[in-house]
Amino acid sequence: MGELGGRVALVTGSSSGIGAAIATALAGRGATVVVNSASSVEAGERLAAELPGASYVQADIGDPDQAESLVARAVECHGRLDILVNNAGVTAVIDHHDLEAVTEEVWDHILRVNLVGTWNVTRAAVPHLRASGEGVVVNITSLAGVRPVGSSIPYAVSKAALNHLTLLLANTLGPQIRVNAVAPGLIDTPWTADWDLIREVVRGSAPLQRSGRPEDVAEACLGLVNARYATGQILVVDGGMALR
């Protein structure tokens, strides 16, 4: 059955890329997974059909009502919630020097999903995670939240805020719930498919000399799910790029 047998995991933004890899890895260790996406319904339903006992729930976590409904439907379907992986996020590719391109709408959209949406889902999940007795939250943040890099300034700021939210929640929700984060560097996903120049920089500079794969983030996430004496940790998964 695996070490996560009998446990239920909700992975937001999991119809493709990093989220799909995390959902697949959790299911491979025995967890029953709830797959979620705001759009890409067909891809989400297809992934859920491939994972034993999994279900799919469409919800835009940027909408507070939908965020609450997502958690409620997950618990209604599977009877409990033990693991929450906050992976859903958005970005806008804007050069950091182009301040005029960063409109109020850009700020609102990115913060509403990446930060406030994550907060809404987590808050709704807390009673169920407490009832679990071994509740776990893993936030998928970014190297952009640790260093002054990233696809845009609002994106980087949202991830830095999410890192700090991780620490605050870990400090508040223990001992019943552990809260940690994984901060990936450049990962090969549909988001980054055309980031060839950045990919070459990473390959030429990072100690591990490659960009990451979604499975690399999934492995780190599994590690934090199983690390029962770790909370409030931000695990950077970037091939060592932060060292350079």
C-alpha atoms as a PDB file:
ATOM      1  CA  MET A   1       0.000   0.000   0.000  1.00  0.00           C
ATOM      2  CA  GLY A   2       2.883   2.387   0.672  1.00  0.00           C
ATOM      3  CA  GLU A   3       3.733   4.596   3.618  1.00  0.00           C
ATOM      4  CA  LEU A   4       0.914   7.030   2.771  1.00  0.00           C
ATOM      5  CA  GLY A   5      -1.787   4.391   2.516  1.00  0.00           C
ATOM      6  CA  GLY A   6      -5.105   5.545   3.971  1.00  0.00           C
ATOM      7  CA  ARG A   7      -4.187   9.224   3.715  1.00  0.00           C
ATOM      8  CA  VAL A   8      -5.902  11.756   1.455  1.00  0.00           C
ATOM      9  CA  ALA A   9      -3.960  14.482  -0.330  1.00  0.00           C
ATOM     10  CA  LEU A  10      -5.231  17.567  -2.140  1.00  0.00           C
ATOM     11  CA  VAL A  11      -2.828  19.008  -4.709  1.00  0.00           C
ATOM     12  CA  THR A  12      -3.913  22.333  -6.187  1.00  0.00           C
ATOM     13  CA  GLY A  13      -2.972  23.157  -9.762  1.00  0.00           C
ATOM     14  CA  SER A  14      -2.204  19.532 -10.521  1.00  0.00           C
ATOM     15  CA  SER A  15      -3.481  18.897 -14.033  1.00  0.00           C
ATOM     16  CA  SER A  16       0.032  19.190 -15.520  1.00  0.00           C
ATOM     17  CA  GLY A  17       3.669  20.021 -14.813  1.00  0.00           C
ATOM     18  CA  ILE A  18       4.922  20.084 -11.232  1.00  0.00           C
ATOM     19  CA  GLY A  19       1.475  19.557  -9.719  1.00  0.00           C
ATOM     20  CA  ALA A  20       0.803  16.463 -11.821  1.00  0.00           C
ATOM     21  CA  ALA A  21       4.193  15.022 -10.847  1.00  0.00           C
ATOM     22  CA  ILE A  22       3.438  15.622  -7.147  1.00  0.00           C
ATOM     23  CA  ALA A  23      -0.021  14.057  -7.421  1.00  0.00           C
ATOM     24  CA  THR A  24       1.460  11.029  -9.198  1.00  0.00           C
ATOM     25  CA  ALA A  25       4.233  10.645  -6.611  1.00  0.00           C
ATOM     26  CA  LEU A  26       1.798  10.829  -3.687  1.00  0.00           C
ATOM     27  CA  ALA A  27      -0.466   8.251  -5.313  1.00  0.00           C
ATOM     28  CA  GLY A  28       2.573   6.052  -5.903  1.00  0.00           C
ATOM     29  CA  ARG A  29       3.178   6.024  -2.138  1.00  0.00           C
ATOM     30  CA  GLY A  30      -0.387   4.978  -1.428  1.00  0.00           C
ATOM     31  CA  ALA A  31      -2.205   8.292  -0.905  1.00  0.00           C
ATOM     32  CA  THR A  32      -5.639   8.966  -2.358  1.00  0.00           C
ATOM     33  CA  VAL A  33      -5.252  12.173  -4.351  1.00  0.00           C
ATOM     34  CA  VAL A  34      -7.625  14.993  -5.234  1.00  0.00           C
ATOM     35  CA  VAL A  35      -6.500  16.575  -8.500  1.00  0.00           C
ATOM     36  CA  ASN A  36      -7.418  20.221  -9.091  1.00  0.00           C
ATOM     37  CA  SER A  37      -7.142  22.916 -11.727  1.00  0.00           C
ATOM     38  CA  ALA A  38      -8.852  26.182 -12.566  1.00  0.00           C
ATOM     39  CA  SER A  39      -9.049  25.250 -16.246  1.00  0.00           C
ATOM     40  CA  SER A  40      -7.532  22.288 -18.162  1.00  0.00           C
ATOM     41  CA  VAL A  41     -10.475  20.205 -16.972  1.00  0.00           C
ATOM     42  CA  GLU A  42      -9.907  17.401 -19.461  1.00  0.00           C
ATOM     43  CA  ALA A  43      -6.258  17.000 -18.446  1.00  0.00           C
ATOM     44  CA  GLY A  44      -7.197  17.013 -14.757  1.00  0.00           C
ATOM     45  CA  GLU A  45      -9.902  14.402 -15.208  1.00  0.00           C
ATOM     46  CA  ARG A  46      -7.545  12.271 -17.277  1.00  0.00           C
ATOM     47  CA  LEU A  47      -4.849  12.336 -14.582  1.00  0.00           C
ATOM     48  CA  ALA A  48      -7.351  11.516 -11.836  1.00  0.00           C
ATOM     49  CA  ALA A  49      -8.573   8.545 -13.877  1.00  0.00           C
ATOM     50  CA  GLU A  50      -5.003   7.218 -13.998  1.00  0.00           C
ATOM     51  CA  LEU A  51      -4.427   7.383 -10.217  1.00  0.00           C
ATOM     52  CA  PRO A  52      -5.994   4.751  -7.924  1.00  0.00           C
ATOM     53  CA  GLY A  53      -9.051   6.120  -6.126  1.00  0.00           C
ATOM     54  CA  ALA A  54      -8.317   9.704  -7.185  1.00  0.00           C
ATOM     55  CA  SER A  55     -10.907  12.369  -7.936  1.00  0.00           C
ATOM     56  CA  TYR A  56     -10.869  15.671  -9.795  1.00  0.00           C
ATOM     57  CA  VAL A  57     -12.343  18.983  -8.640  1.00  0.00           C
ATOM     58  CA  GLN A  58     -12.320  22.093 -10.812  1.00  0.00           C
ATOM     59  CA  ALA A  59     -11.829  25.271  -8.784  1.00  0.00           C
ATOM     60  CA  ASP A  60     -10.063  28.607  -9.134  1.00  0.00           C
ATOM     61  CA  ILE A  61      -8.385  29.140  -5.772  1.00  0.00           C
ATOM     62  CA  GLY A  62      -8.233  32.860  -6.470  1.00  0.00           C
ATOM     63  CA  ASP A  63     -11.974  32.889  -5.803  1.00  0.00           C
ATOM     64  CA  PRO A  64     -12.505  32.481  -2.032  1.00  0.00           C
ATOM     65  CA  ASP A  65     -15.804  30.669  -2.450  1.00  0.00           C
ATOM     66  CA  GLN A  66     -14.302  28.197  -4.901  1.00  0.00           C
ATOM     67  CA  ALA A  67     -11.291  27.671  -2.610  1.00  0.00           C
ATOM     68  CA  GLU A  68     -13.584  26.718   0.271  1.00  0.00           C
ATOM     69  CA  SER A  69     -15.728  24.540  -1.963  1.00  0.00           C
ATOM     70  CA  LEU A  70     -12.625  22.714  -3.211  1.00  0.00           C
ATOM     71  CA  VAL A  71     -11.694  21.604   0.292  1.00  0.00           C
ATOM     72  CA  ALA A  72     -15.294  20.763   1.174  1.00  0.00           C
ATOM     73  CA  ARG A  73     -15.698  18.596  -1.919  1.00  0.00           C
ATOM     74  CA  ALA A  74     -12.404  16.803  -1.274  1.00  0.00           C
ATOM     75  CA  VAL A  75     -13.512  15.883   2.251  1.00  0.00           C
ATOM     76  CA  GLU A  76     -17.033  15.012   1.117  1.00  0.00           C
ATOM     77  CA  CYS A  77     -15.650  12.653  -1.515  1.00  0.00           C
ATOM     78  CA  HIS A  78     -12.963  10.946   0.578  1.00  0.00           C
ATOM     79  CA  GLY A  79     -14.024  11.502   4.191  1.00  0.00           C
ATOM     80  CA  ARG A  80     -10.849  13.185   5.395  1.00  0.00           C
ATOM     81  CA  LEU A  81      -7.887  15.361   4.434  1.00  0.00           C
ATOM     82  CA  ASP A  82      -4.340  14.673   5.634  1.00  0.00           C
ATOM     83  CA  ILE A  83      -2.041  16.390   3.149  1.00  0.00           C
ATOM     84  CA  LEU A  84      -2.402  19.714   1.357  1.00  0.00           C
ATOM     85  CA  VAL A  85       0.043  20.685  -1.369  1.00  0.00           C
ATOM     86  CA  ASN A  86      -0.466  24.296  -2.446  1.00  0.00           C
ATOM     87  CA  ASN A  87       0.970  24.199  -5.940  1.00  0.00           C
ATOM     88  CA  ALA A  88      -1.458  26.350  -7.953  1.00  0.00           C
ATOM     89  CA  GLY A  89       0.059  29.588  -9.151  1.00  0.00           C
ATOM     90  CA  VAL A  90       0.226  32.121 -11.968  1.00  0.00           C
ATOM     91  CA  THR A  91       2.830  34.474 -13.344  1.00  0.00           C
ATOM     92  CA  ALA A  92       3.423  37.188 -15.904  1.00  0.00           C
ATOM     93  CA  VAL A  93       6.728  37.379 -17.757  1.00  0.00           C
ATOM     94  CA  ILE A  94       7.828  41.007 -17.352  1.00  0.00           C
ATOM     95  CA  ASP A  95      11.403  42.299 -17.376  1.00  0.00           C
ATOM     96  CA  HIS A  96      12.268  43.613 -13.916  1.00  0.00           C
ATOM     97  CA  HIS A  97      13.356  46.945 -15.400  1.00  0.00           C
ATOM     98  CA  ASP A  98       9.996  47.495 -17.108  1.00  0.00           C
ATOM     99  CA  LEU A  99       8.150  49.050 -14.187  1.00  0.00           C
ATOM    100  CA  GLU A 100       5.462  50.572 -16.413  1.00  0.00           C
ATOM    101  CA  ALA A 101       4.343  47.120 -17.563  1.00  0.00           C
ATOM    102  CA  VAL A 102       3.519  46.063 -14.004  1.00  0.00           C
ATOM    103  CA  THR A 103      -0.047  47.278 -13.735  1.00  0.00           C
ATOM    104  CA  GLU A 104      -2.423  47.072 -10.811  1.00  0.00           C
ATOM    105  CA  GLU A 105      -4.201  44.258 -12.643  1.00  0.00           C
ATOM    106  CA  VAL A 106      -0.960  42.248 -12.826  1.00  0.00           C
ATOM    107  CA  TRP A 107      -0.368  42.686  -9.100  1.00  0.00           C
ATOM    108  CA  ASP A 108      -3.953  41.778  -8.249  1.00  0.00           C
ATOM    109  CA  HIS A 109      -4.054  38.628 -10.369  1.00  0.00           C
ATOM    110  CA  ILE A 110      -0.717  37.219  -9.178  1.00  0.00           C
ATOM    111  CA  LEU A 111      -1.202  37.996  -5.484  1.00  0.00           C
ATOM    112  CA  ARG A 112      -4.833  36.853  -5.552  1.00  0.00           C
ATOM    113  CA  VAL A 113      -3.866  33.368  -6.740  1.00  0.00           C
ATOM    114  CA  ASN A 114      -0.347  32.780  -5.446  1.00  0.00           C
ATOM    115  CA  LEU A 115      -0.742  34.257  -1.981  1.00  0.00           C
ATOM    116  CA  VAL A 116      -4.361  34.907  -1.026  1.00  0.00           C
ATOM    117  CA  GLY A 117      -5.630  31.831  -2.872  1.00  0.00           C
ATOM    118  CA  THR A 118      -3.131  29.637  -1.039  1.00  0.00           C
ATOM    119  CA  TRP A 119      -4.211  31.265   2.233  1.00  0.00           C
ATOM    120  CA  ASN A 120      -7.894  30.604   1.489  1.00  0.00           C
ATOM    121  CA  VAL A 121      -7.368  26.917   0.704  1.00  0.00           C
ATOM    122  CA  THR A 122      -5.129  26.411   3.722  1.00  0.00           C
ATOM    123  CA  ARG A 123      -7.521  28.129   6.103  1.00  0.00           C
ATOM    124  CA  ALA A 124     -10.393  25.981   4.865  1.00  0.00           C
ATOM    125  CA  ALA A 125      -8.265  22.844   5.216  1.00  0.00           C
ATOM    126  CA  VAL A 126      -6.974  23.477   8.738  1.00  0.00           C
ATOM    127  CA  PRO A 127      -9.886  21.886  10.682  1.00  0.00           C
ATOM    128  CA  HIS A 128      -9.597  18.705   8.596  1.00  0.00           C
ATOM    129  CA  LEU A 129      -5.801  18.604   8.813  1.00  0.00           C
ATOM    130  CA  ARG A 130      -6.047  18.978  12.602  1.00  0.00           C
ATOM    131  CA  ALA A 131      -8.551  16.135  12.745  1.00  0.00           C
ATOM    132  CA  SER A 132      -6.104  13.981  10.822  1.00  0.00           C
ATOM    133  CA  GLY A 133      -3.667  14.038  13.727  1.00  0.00           C
ATOM    134  CA  GLU A 134      -0.736  14.253  11.300  1.00  0.00           C
ATOM    135  CA  GLY A 135      -1.734  17.100   9.022  1.00  0.00           C
ATOM    136  CA  VAL A 136       0.824  18.289   6.494  1.00  0.00           C
ATOM    137  CA  VAL A 137       0.956  21.397   4.301  1.00  0.00           C
ATOM    138  CA  VAL A 138       3.600  21.816   1.621  1.00  0.00           C
ATOM    139  CA  ASN A 139       3.661  25.117  -0.258  1.00  0.00           C
ATOM    140  CA  ILE A 140       5.346  25.173  -3.661  1.00  0.00           C
ATOM    141  CA  THR A 141       7.096  28.527  -3.779  1.00  0.00           C
ATOM    142  CA  SER A 142      10.126  29.463  -5.908  1.00  0.00           C
ATOM    143  CA  LEU A 143      13.788  30.365  -5.912  1.00  0.00           C
ATOM    144  CA  ALA A 144      12.390  33.754  -6.966  1.00  0.00           C
ATOM    145  CA  GLY A 145      11.069  34.102  -3.415  1.00  0.00           C
ATOM    146  CA  VAL A 146      14.559  33.619  -1.994  1.00  0.00           C
ATOM    147  CA  ARG A 147      16.731  35.541  -4.467  1.00  0.00           C
ATOM    148  CA  PRO A 148      16.013  38.700  -6.544  1.00  0.00           C
ATOM    149  CA  VAL A 149      15.205  36.742  -9.707  1.00  0.00           C
ATOM    150  CA  GLY A 150      12.065  35.441 -11.384  1.00  0.00           C
ATOM    151  CA  SER A 151       9.695  35.930 -14.291  1.00  0.00           C
ATOM    152  CA  SER A 152       8.469  39.267 -12.895  1.00  0.00           C
ATOM    153  CA  ILE A 153       8.724  41.373  -9.765  1.00  0.00           C
ATOM    154  CA  PRO A 154       5.113  40.665  -8.681  1.00  0.00           C
ATOM    155  CA  TYR A 155       5.690  36.925  -9.087  1.00  0.00           C
ATOM    156  CA  ALA A 156       8.878  37.039  -7.007  1.00  0.00           C
ATOM    157  CA  VAL A 157       7.202  39.125  -4.316  1.00  0.00           C
ATOM    158  CA  SER A 158       4.253  36.714  -4.158  1.00  0.00           C
ATOM    159  CA  LYS A 159       6.601  33.784  -3.621  1.00  0.00           C
ATOM    160  CA  ALA A 160       8.648  35.625  -0.988  1.00  0.00           C
ATOM    161  CA  ALA A 161       5.410  36.355   0.849  1.00  0.00           C
ATOM    162  CA  LEU A 162       4.412  32.703   0.525  1.00  0.00           C
ATOM    163  CA  ASN A 163       7.729  31.652   2.054  1.00  0.00           C
ATOM    164  CA  HIS A 164       7.063  33.900   5.041  1.00  0.00           C
ATOM    165  CA  LEU A 165       3.482  32.670   5.275  1.00  0.00           C
ATOM    166  CA  THR A 166       4.941  29.165   5.501  1.00  0.00           C
ATOM    167  CA  LEU A 167       6.987  30.143   8.554  1.00  0.00           C
ATOM    168  CA  LEU A 168       4.090  31.944  10.215  1.00  0.00           C
ATOM    169  CA  LEU A 169       1.707  29.030   9.724  1.00  0.00           C
ATOM    170  CA  ALA A 170       4.281  26.496  10.915  1.00  0.00           C
ATOM    171  CA  ASN A 171       4.715  28.542  14.067  1.00  0.00           C
ATOM    172  CA  THR A 172       0.947  28.783  14.565  1.00  0.00           C
ATOM    173  CA  LEU A 173      -0.415  25.380  13.554  1.00  0.00           C
ATOM    174  CA  GLY A 174       1.928  23.011  15.382  1.00  0.00           C
ATOM    175  CA  PRO A 175       1.886  20.445  16.811  1.00  0.00           C
ATOM    176  CA  GLN A 176      -1.076  19.007  14.906  1.00  0.00           C
ATOM    177  CA  ILE A 177      -0.045  20.388  11.493  1.00  0.00           C
ATOM    178  CA  ARG A 178       3.409  20.710   9.947  1.00  0.00           C
ATOM    179  CA  VAL A 179       3.939  23.402   7.302  1.00  0.00           C
ATOM    180  CA  ASN A 180       6.936  23.451   4.943  1.00  0.00           C
ATOM    181  CA  ALA A 181       7.730  24.679   1.453  1.00  0.00           C
ATOM    182  CA  VAL A 182       9.662  23.622  -1.625  1.00  0.00           C
ATOM    183  CA  ALA A 183      11.271  26.462  -3.590  1.00  0.00           C
ATOM    184  CA  PRO A 184      12.175  25.206  -7.086  1.00  0.00           C
ATOM    185  CA  GLY A 185      14.602  26.867  -9.438  1.00  0.00           C
ATOM    186  CA  LEU A 186      14.143  26.475 -13.203  1.00  0.00           C
ATOM    187  CA  ILE A 187      11.968  23.420 -13.859  1.00  0.00           C
ATOM    188  CA  ASP A 188      11.168  22.104 -17.331  1.00  0.00           C
ATOM    189  CA  THR A 189       7.393  22.513 -17.610  1.00  0.00           C
ATOM    190  CA  PRO A 190       4.978  23.902 -20.213  1.00  0.00           C
ATOM    191  CA  TRP A 191       5.451  27.298 -18.486  1.00  0.00           C
ATOM    192  CA  THR A 192       9.180  27.326 -19.246  1.00  0.00           C
ATOM    193  CA  ALA A 193       9.221  25.511 -22.583  1.00  0.00           C
ATOM    194  CA  ASP A 194      10.541  28.556 -24.463  1.00  0.00           C
ATOM    195  CA  TRP A 195      12.989  29.763 -21.784  1.00  0.00           C
ATOM    196  CA  ASP A 196      15.963  28.422 -23.720  1.00  0.00           C
ATOM    197  CA  LEU A 197      18.378  31.216 -22.810  1.00  0.00           C
ATOM    198  CA  ILE A 198      17.718  30.872 -19.083  1.00  0.00           C
ATOM    199  CA  ARG A 199      18.002  27.096 -19.397  1.00  0.00           C
ATOM    200  CA  GLU A 200      21.446  27.426 -20.958  1.00  0.00           C
ATOM    201  CA  VAL A 201      22.552  29.789 -18.178  1.00  0.00           C
ATOM    202  CA  VAL A 202      21.453  27.263 -15.563  1.00  0.00           C
ATOM    203  CA  ARG A 203      23.202  24.396 -17.328  1.00  0.00           C
ATOM    204  CA  GLY A 204      26.386  26.418 -17.589  1.00  0.00           C
ATOM    205  CA  SER A 205      26.351  27.754 -14.032  1.00  0.00           C
ATOM    206  CA  ALA A 206      24.582  25.417 -11.597  1.00  0.00           C
ATOM    207  CA  PRO A 207      26.704  22.764  -9.866  1.00  0.00           C
ATOM    208  CA  LEU A 208      24.362  20.005 -11.106  1.00  0.00           C
ATOM    209  CA  GLN A 209      24.552  21.429 -14.676  1.00  0.00           C
ATOM    210  CA  ARG A 210      20.935  20.924 -15.657  1.00  0.00           C
ATOM    211  CA  SER A 211      17.517  22.426 -15.238  1.00  0.00           C
ATOM    212  CA  GLY A 212      15.092  20.574 -13.016  1.00  0.00           C
ATOM    213  CA  ARG A 213      12.321  18.143 -13.825  1.00  0.00           C
ATOM    214  CA  PRO A 214       8.874  18.092 -12.221  1.00  0.00           C
ATOM    215  CA  GLU A 215       9.820  14.790 -10.610  1.00  0.00           C
ATOM    216  CA  ASP A 216      12.677  16.547  -8.771  1.00  0.00           C
ATOM    217  CA  VAL A 217      10.158  18.813  -7.049  1.00  0.00           C
ATOM    218  CA  ALA A 218       7.839  15.881  -6.353  1.00  0.00           C
ATOM    219  CA  GLU A 219      10.655  13.988  -4.605  1.00  0.00           C
ATOM    220  CA  ALA A 220      11.391  17.008  -2.409  1.00  0.00           C
ATOM    221  CA  CYS A 221       7.698  17.336  -1.595  1.00  0.00           C
ATOM    222  CA  LEU A 222       7.505  13.669  -0.593  1.00  0.00           C
ATOM    223  CA  GLY A 223      10.540  14.144   1.609  1.00  0.00           C
ATOM    224  CA  LEU A 224       8.863  16.966   3.512  1.00  0.00           C
ATOM    225  CA  VAL A 225       5.597  15.049   3.788  1.00  0.00           C
ATOM    226  CA  ASN A 226       7.496  12.207   5.464  1.00  0.00           C
ATOM    227  CA  ALA A 227       9.883  14.360   7.552  1.00  0.00           C
ATOM    228  CA  ARG A 228       7.877  14.202  10.771  1.00  0.00           C
ATOM    229  CA  TYR A 229      10.233  16.382  12.821  1.00  0.00           C
ATOM    230  CA  ALA A 230      10.543  19.170  10.252  1.00  0.00           C
ATOM    231  CA  THR A 231       8.320  22.231  10.110  1.00  0.00           C
ATOM    232  CA  GLY A 232       8.855  25.798   8.984  1.00  0.00           C
ATOM    233  CA  GLN A 233      11.457  24.769   6.402  1.00  0.00           C
ATOM    234  CA  ILE A 234      11.974  26.239   2.917  1.00  0.00           C
ATOM    235  CA  LEU A 235      13.712  23.570   0.836  1.00  0.00           C
ATOM    236  CA  VAL A 236      15.405  25.103  -2.218  1.00  0.00           C
ATOM    237  CA  VAL A 237      15.521  22.668  -5.154  1.00  0.00           C
ATOM    238  CA  ASP A 238      17.562  24.406  -7.835  1.00  0.00           C
ATOM    239  CA  GLY A 239      20.524  22.184  -8.690  1.00  0.00           C
ATOM    240  CA  GLY A 240      22.695  24.423  -6.542  1.00  0.00           C
ATOM    241  CA  MET A 241      22.068  27.545  -8.643  1.00  0.00           C
ATOM    242  CA  ALA A 242      21.676  29.681  -5.506  1.00  0.00           C
ATOM    243  CA  LEU A 243      25.321  28.922  -4.715  1.00  0.00           C
ATOM    244  CA  ARG A 244      26.445  30.757  -7.829  1.00  0.00           C
END
